[in-house]
């Protein structure tokens, strides 16, 4: 069971992972598909050492995992549930507009505009 202290630790690790623009770009890329550091460096126009440092941080935060493949290492989001949650977080954050109606007509989230309209 997660305690408040462990939940705070998880939130801090997640916040640290997403607080840096380069790490966020790497995460968004890895949400699309797994990648090798050299690919990430090329596609994001970064140095390999920069990518490696950020991947180490994301690994330490528990967000990504390194999958050895012979002499190379592929990186991917640590768990499909985490990938889905991160994708949802991005989508929901982009969709939030205080004057917009909820994207889910049957939403049961307290405080949601769709819930208030139905009430």
C-alpha atoms as a PDB file:
ATOM      1  CA  UNK A   1       0.000   0.000   0.000  1.00  0.00           C
ATOM      2  CA  UNK A   2       1.321   3.424  -0.922  1.00  0.00           C
ATOM      3  CA  UNK A   3       1.687   5.870   1.939  1.00  0.00           C
ATOM      4  CA  UNK A   4       1.474   9.635   1.566  1.00  0.00           C
ATOM      5  CA  UNK A   5       5.288   9.794   1.697  1.00  0.00           C
ATOM      6  CA  UNK A   6       5.662   7.224  -1.076  1.00  0.00           C
ATOM      7  CA  UNK A   7       2.984   8.960  -3.161  1.00  0.00           C
ATOM      8  CA  UNK A   8       4.825  12.253  -2.765  1.00  0.00           C
ATOM      9  CA  UNK A   9       8.027  10.499  -3.848  1.00  0.00           C
ATOM     10  CA  UNK A  10       6.277   9.181  -6.953  1.00  0.00           C
ATOM     11  CA  UNK A  11       4.894  12.643  -7.773  1.00  0.00           C
ATOM     12  CA  UNK A  12       8.341  14.194  -7.300  1.00  0.00           C
ATOM     13  CA  UNK A  13       9.964  11.623  -9.596  1.00  0.00           C
ATOM     14  CA  UNK A  14       7.287  12.152 -12.231  1.00  0.00           C
ATOM     15  CA  UNK A  15       7.602  15.925 -11.945  1.00  0.00           C
ATOM     16  CA  UNK A  16      11.385  15.732 -12.216  1.00  0.00           C
ATOM     17  CA  UNK A  17      11.095  13.574 -15.316  1.00  0.00           C
ATOM     18  CA  UNK A  18       8.750  15.981 -17.083  1.00  0.00           C
ATOM     19  CA  UNK A  19      10.194  19.276 -15.799  1.00  0.00           C
ATOM     20  CA  UNK A  20      12.981  19.419 -18.363  1.00  0.00           C
ATOM     21  CA  UNK A  21      12.005  20.269 -21.966  1.00  0.00           C
ATOM     22  CA  UNK A  22      14.524  17.812 -23.415  1.00  0.00           C
ATOM     23  CA  UNK A  23      13.255  14.969 -21.227  1.00  0.00           C
ATOM     24  CA  UNK A  24       9.703  15.867 -22.219  1.00  0.00           C
ATOM     25  CA  UNK A  25      10.648  15.677 -25.903  1.00  0.00           C
ATOM     26  CA  UNK A  26      12.290  12.295 -25.330  1.00  0.00           C
ATOM     27  CA  UNK A  27       9.212  11.049 -23.469  1.00  0.00           C
ATOM     28  CA  UNK A  28       6.874  12.205 -26.223  1.00  0.00           C
ATOM     29  CA  UNK A  29       9.035  10.413 -28.771  1.00  0.00           C
ATOM     30  CA  UNK A  30       9.089   7.219 -26.703  1.00  0.00           C
ATOM     31  CA  UNK A  31       5.308   7.383 -26.310  1.00  0.00           C
ATOM     32  CA  UNK A  32       5.120   6.986 -30.080  1.00  0.00           C
ATOM     33  CA  UNK A  33       7.539   4.038 -30.196  1.00  0.00           C
ATOM     34  CA  UNK A  34      10.673   2.617 -28.532  1.00  0.00           C
ATOM     35  CA  UNK A  35      13.954   4.111 -29.756  1.00  0.00           C
ATOM     36  CA  UNK A  36      17.716   3.823 -29.554  1.00  0.00           C
ATOM     37  CA  UNK A  37      19.777   6.699 -28.118  1.00  0.00           C
ATOM     38  CA  UNK A  38      21.413   7.389 -31.489  1.00  0.00           C
ATOM     39  CA  UNK A  39      17.964   7.691 -33.120  1.00  0.00           C
ATOM     40  CA  UNK A  40      16.765  10.029 -30.379  1.00  0.00           C
ATOM     41  CA  UNK A  41      19.894  12.179 -30.743  1.00  0.00           C
ATOM     42  CA  UNK A  42      19.461  12.376 -34.508  1.00  0.00           C
ATOM     43  CA  UNK A  43      15.698  12.959 -34.534  1.00  0.00           C
ATOM     44  CA  UNK A  44      15.717  15.503 -31.696  1.00  0.00           C
ATOM     45  CA  UNK A  45      18.940  17.172 -32.876  1.00  0.00           C
ATOM     46  CA  UNK A  46      20.762  16.520 -29.594  1.00  0.00           C
ATOM     47  CA  UNK A  47      24.158  15.107 -28.753  1.00  0.00           C
ATOM     48  CA  UNK A  48      24.359  11.440 -27.812  1.00  0.00           C
ATOM     49  CA  UNK A  49      25.825  12.304 -24.412  1.00  0.00           C
ATOM     50  CA  UNK A  50      22.951  14.711 -23.738  1.00  0.00           C
ATOM     51  CA  UNK A  51      20.416  12.026 -24.666  1.00  0.00           C
ATOM     52  CA  UNK A  52      22.228   9.450 -22.534  1.00  0.00           C
ATOM     53  CA  UNK A  53      22.183  11.755 -19.503  1.00  0.00           C
ATOM     54  CA  UNK A  54      18.466  12.424 -19.888  1.00  0.00           C
ATOM     55  CA  UNK A  55      17.691   8.742 -20.442  1.00  0.00           C
ATOM     56  CA  UNK A  56      19.590   7.919 -17.242  1.00  0.00           C
ATOM     57  CA  UNK A  57      17.421  10.412 -15.358  1.00  0.00           C
ATOM     58  CA  UNK A  58      14.228   8.972 -16.867  1.00  0.00           C
ATOM     59  CA  UNK A  59      15.416   5.471 -15.975  1.00  0.00           C
ATOM     60  CA  UNK A  60      16.201   6.535 -12.400  1.00  0.00           C
ATOM     61  CA  UNK A  61      12.739   8.091 -12.173  1.00  0.00           C
ATOM     62  CA  UNK A  62      11.218   4.753 -13.194  1.00  0.00           C
ATOM     63  CA  UNK A  63       9.627   6.168 -16.337  1.00  0.00           C
ATOM     64  CA  UNK A  64      11.669   4.359 -19.000  1.00  0.00           C
ATOM     65  CA  UNK A  65      13.512   1.051 -19.163  1.00  0.00           C
ATOM     66  CA  UNK A  66      16.578   0.023 -21.123  1.00  0.00           C
ATOM     67  CA  UNK A  67      16.166  -3.154 -23.170  1.00  0.00           C
ATOM     68  CA  UNK A  68      19.501  -4.674 -24.250  1.00  0.00           C
ATOM     69  CA  UNK A  69      19.591  -5.863 -27.852  1.00  0.00           C
ATOM     70  CA  UNK A  70      23.014  -7.276 -28.625  1.00  0.00           C
ATOM     71  CA  UNK A  71      25.432  -4.363 -28.595  1.00  0.00           C
ATOM     72  CA  UNK A  72      22.644  -1.767 -28.595  1.00  0.00           C
ATOM     73  CA  UNK A  73      20.124  -0.673 -26.003  1.00  0.00           C
ATOM     74  CA  UNK A  74      16.558   0.231 -26.892  1.00  0.00           C
ATOM     75  CA  UNK A  75      14.577   2.532 -24.601  1.00  0.00           C
ATOM     76  CA  UNK A  76      10.850   2.389 -24.010  1.00  0.00           C
ATOM     77  CA  UNK A  77       8.270   3.537 -21.504  1.00  0.00           C
ATOM     78  CA  UNK A  78       8.541   1.268 -18.468  1.00  0.00           C
ATOM     79  CA  UNK A  79       4.986  -0.069 -18.558  1.00  0.00           C
ATOM     80  CA  UNK A  80       2.070   0.064 -21.029  1.00  0.00           C
ATOM     81  CA  UNK A  81      -0.197   1.433 -18.270  1.00  0.00           C
ATOM     82  CA  UNK A  82       2.259   4.249 -17.641  1.00  0.00           C
ATOM     83  CA  UNK A  83       2.446   4.996 -21.370  1.00  0.00           C
ATOM     84  CA  UNK A  84      -1.344   5.142 -21.568  1.00  0.00           C
ATOM     85  CA  UNK A  85      -1.537   7.379 -18.500  1.00  0.00           C
ATOM     86  CA  UNK A  86       1.133   9.767 -19.779  1.00  0.00           C
ATOM     87  CA  UNK A  87      -0.605   9.974 -23.155  1.00  0.00           C
ATOM     88  CA  UNK A  88      -3.928  10.641 -21.438  1.00  0.00           C
ATOM     89  CA  UNK A  89      -2.359  13.300 -19.239  1.00  0.00           C
ATOM     90  CA  UNK A  90      -1.039  15.119 -22.302  1.00  0.00           C
ATOM     91  CA  UNK A  91      -4.373  14.830 -24.148  1.00  0.00           C
ATOM     92  CA  UNK A  92      -6.444  15.960 -21.179  1.00  0.00           C
ATOM     93  CA  UNK A  93      -4.131  18.872 -20.444  1.00  0.00           C
ATOM     94  CA  UNK A  94      -4.367  20.001 -24.066  1.00  0.00           C
ATOM     95  CA  UNK A  95      -8.154  19.685 -23.981  1.00  0.00           C
ATOM     96  CA  UNK A  96      -8.695  21.610 -20.748  1.00  0.00           C
ATOM     97  CA  UNK A  97     -10.492  24.856 -21.356  1.00  0.00           C
ATOM     98  CA  UNK A  98     -12.732  26.265 -18.669  1.00  0.00           C
ATOM     99  CA  UNK A  99     -15.402  27.157 -21.245  1.00  0.00           C
ATOM    100  CA  UNK A 100     -15.250  23.873 -23.154  1.00  0.00           C
ATOM    101  CA  UNK A 101     -17.539  20.991 -22.409  1.00  0.00           C
ATOM    102  CA  UNK A 102     -16.045  17.696 -21.312  1.00  0.00           C
ATOM    103  CA  UNK A 103     -14.795  15.337 -24.007  1.00  0.00           C
ATOM    104  CA  UNK A 104     -16.610  12.475 -22.274  1.00  0.00           C
ATOM    105  CA  UNK A 105     -20.400  12.964 -22.240  1.00  0.00           C
ATOM    106  CA  UNK A 106     -20.867  10.400 -19.447  1.00  0.00           C
ATOM    107  CA  UNK A 107     -18.078  11.819 -17.297  1.00  0.00           C
ATOM    108  CA  UNK A 108     -18.479  11.180 -13.563  1.00  0.00           C
ATOM    109  CA  UNK A 109     -15.507  13.259 -12.386  1.00  0.00           C
ATOM    110  CA  UNK A 110     -16.611  15.628  -9.591  1.00  0.00           C
ATOM    111  CA  UNK A 111     -16.249  19.255 -10.640  1.00  0.00           C
ATOM    112  CA  UNK A 112     -16.299  18.457 -14.349  1.00  0.00           C
ATOM    113  CA  UNK A 113     -18.371  20.818 -16.490  1.00  0.00           C
ATOM    114  CA  UNK A 114     -20.291  17.897 -18.022  1.00  0.00           C
ATOM    115  CA  UNK A 115     -21.211  16.725 -14.503  1.00  0.00           C
ATOM    116  CA  UNK A 116     -22.357  20.225 -13.542  1.00  0.00           C
ATOM    117  CA  UNK A 117     -24.484  20.554 -16.694  1.00  0.00           C
ATOM    118  CA  UNK A 118     -26.150  17.175 -16.090  1.00  0.00           C
ATOM    119  CA  UNK A 119     -26.938  17.992 -12.457  1.00  0.00           C
END
